Amino acid sequence: MSFKKTALFSMFALISSILFAYEKVPVIIPFKSGGELHTFFYCFNELSEGKKLAEEIFRVKKFDELAKGEKEKVLPVPLGTNVGYYDHAIFCYGEEFWLFDNRNGFLWGRGMLLSEPRN
């Protein structure tokens, strides 16, 4: 990809992230066993937007506690996705809700069990 195309794409990604409060990004998470999880991350830059998403979509009541807690390095930022353009991401898998911070090419996260499992 030429420098001009790369620069234009970077400008587009920056403007998009400013204009839109969040983005629903398809992600494939590899398992150590060799399988894959196809899911969506809701990516955003402001924790206030994440709190609103968590309450509206996943019915999470304790988002602030999750956001303030210590996070651990969970996985590298998925390549070929827009996850790396955002500071934070959330996703839900079964009864688990996860909040990630994007730091230095890795997603640092903390999870919690939902009181009501999603179907």
Protein backbone atom coordinates (compact mmCIF):
# COMPACT_ATOMS: atom_id res chain seq x y z
CA MET A 1 0.00 0.00 0.00
CA SER A 2 1.44 3.37 -0.94
CA PHE A 3 2.13 6.09 1.58
CA LYS A 4 -0.65 8.26 0.13
CA LYS A 5 -3.26 5.49 0.51
CA THR A 6 -2.04 4.72 4.02
CA ALA A 7 -2.24 8.38 5.03
CA LEU A 8 -5.76 8.74 3.61
CA PHE A 9 -6.91 5.58 5.37
CA SER A 10 -5.42 6.80 8.66
CA MET A 11 -7.19 10.15 8.32
CA PHE A 12 -10.48 8.38 7.53
CA ALA A 13 -10.11 6.11 10.57
CA LEU A 14 -9.33 9.07 12.84
CA ILE A 15 -12.27 11.13 11.59
CA SER A 16 -14.59 8.10 11.84
CA SER A 17 -13.58 7.46 15.43
CA ILE A 18 -14.25 11.09 16.31
CA LEU A 19 -17.62 11.27 14.57
CA PHE A 20 -19.01 7.99 15.85
CA ALA A 21 -19.14 7.33 19.58
CA TYR A 22 -18.71 3.58 19.13
CA GLU A 23 -18.25 0.94 16.48
CA LYS A 24 -19.39 -2.70 16.44
CA VAL A 25 -16.38 -4.62 15.14
CA PRO A 26 -16.42 -8.28 14.05
CA VAL A 27 -13.53 -10.17 15.70
CA ILE A 28 -12.14 -13.69 15.59
CA ILE A 29 -10.50 -14.75 18.87
CA PRO A 30 -8.26 -17.84 18.62
CA PHE A 31 -8.36 -20.43 21.40
CA LYS A 32 -5.22 -22.23 22.59
CA SER A 33 -6.94 -25.50 21.70
CA GLY A 34 -7.00 -24.44 18.04
CA GLY A 35 -10.63 -23.32 17.79
CA GLU A 36 -11.94 -19.82 17.13
CA LEU A 37 -14.63 -17.61 18.62
CA HIS A 38 -16.42 -15.39 16.10
CA THR A 39 -17.88 -12.45 18.01
CA PHE A 40 -18.30 -8.67 18.05
CA PHE A 41 -16.49 -6.07 20.13
CA TYR A 42 -18.17 -2.74 20.84
CA CYS A 43 -15.25 -0.29 20.60
CA PHE A 44 -15.20 3.28 21.96
CA ASN A 45 -12.87 5.96 23.32
CA GLU A 46 -14.79 7.36 26.29
CA LEU A 47 -15.70 5.21 29.31
CA SER A 48 -18.98 7.13 29.63
CA GLU A 49 -19.97 5.77 26.20
CA GLY A 50 -18.96 2.27 27.30
CA LYS A 51 -21.08 2.56 30.42
CA LYS A 52 -24.07 3.59 28.33
CA LEU A 53 -23.53 0.68 25.91
CA ALA A 54 -23.06 -1.80 28.76
CA GLU A 55 -26.31 -0.73 30.40
CA GLU A 56 -28.39 -0.55 27.20
CA ILE A 57 -27.14 -3.65 25.37
CA PHE A 58 -25.93 -6.01 28.09
CA ARG A 59 -27.86 -4.71 31.16
CA VAL A 60 -24.63 -4.35 33.18
CA LYS A 61 -25.16 -2.45 36.43
CA LYS A 62 -21.61 -2.45 37.87
CA PHE A 63 -19.65 -1.00 34.94
CA ASP A 64 -17.86 1.61 37.10
CA GLU A 65 -16.47 -1.09 39.41
CA LEU A 66 -15.22 -3.04 36.41
CA ALA A 67 -13.65 0.06 34.85
CA LYS A 68 -11.79 1.04 38.04
CA GLY A 69 -10.45 -2.44 38.77
CA GLU A 70 -7.02 -3.81 37.88
CA LYS A 71 -6.86 -5.35 34.40
CA GLU A 72 -4.61 -8.11 33.12
CA LYS A 73 -3.06 -8.66 29.69
CA VAL A 74 -5.56 -10.90 27.87
CA LEU A 75 -4.78 -10.96 24.15
CA PRO A 76 -3.10 -9.03 21.34
CA VAL A 77 -5.24 -6.52 19.47
CA PRO A 78 -6.88 -8.59 16.70
CA LEU A 79 -5.12 -7.87 13.40
CA GLY A 80 -7.13 -6.69 10.43
CA THR A 81 -9.81 -5.05 12.60
CA ASN A 82 -10.57 -1.51 13.75
CA VAL A 83 -10.20 -2.47 17.43
CA GLY A 84 -6.76 -0.85 17.53
CA TYR A 85 -8.22 2.56 16.66
CA TYR A 86 -10.12 2.76 19.95
CA ASP A 87 -9.08 3.04 23.60
CA HIS A 88 -11.63 0.56 24.98
CA ALA A 89 -13.82 -2.36 23.95
CA ILE A 90 -16.53 -4.48 25.54
CA PHE A 91 -17.96 -7.84 24.62
CA CYS A 92 -20.13 -10.54 26.07
CA TYR A 93 -19.75 -14.29 25.75
CA GLY A 94 -22.45 -16.38 27.41
CA GLU A 95 -22.62 -15.23 31.03
CA GLU A 96 -19.33 -13.31 30.89
CA PHE A 97 -19.03 -9.56 30.24
CA TRP A 98 -15.56 -8.16 29.46
CA LEU A 99 -14.13 -4.64 29.41
CA PHE A 100 -10.81 -4.14 27.62
CA ASP A 101 -8.31 -1.29 27.54
CA ASN A 102 -6.13 -1.01 24.43
CA ARG A 103 -2.53 -0.57 25.61
CA ASN A 104 0.64 -1.04 23.55
CA GLY A 105 -0.87 -3.49 21.06
CA PHE A 106 -2.57 -5.66 23.68
CA LEU A 107 -6.05 -5.75 25.15
CA TRP A 108 -5.90 -5.57 28.93
CA GLY A 109 -9.17 -6.72 30.40
CA ARG A 110 -11.31 -7.58 33.33
CA GLY A 111 -14.45 -9.67 33.23
CA MET A 112 -17.47 -10.33 35.37
CA LEU A 113 -20.43 -12.69 35.40
CA LEU A 114 -23.76 -11.26 34.38
CA SER A 115 -26.66 -11.76 36.73
CA GLU A 116 -28.90 -12.73 33.80
CA PRO A 117 -27.28 -14.90 31.08
CA ARG A 118 -27.80 -13.68 27.53
CA ASN A 119 -29.44 -16.01 25.03
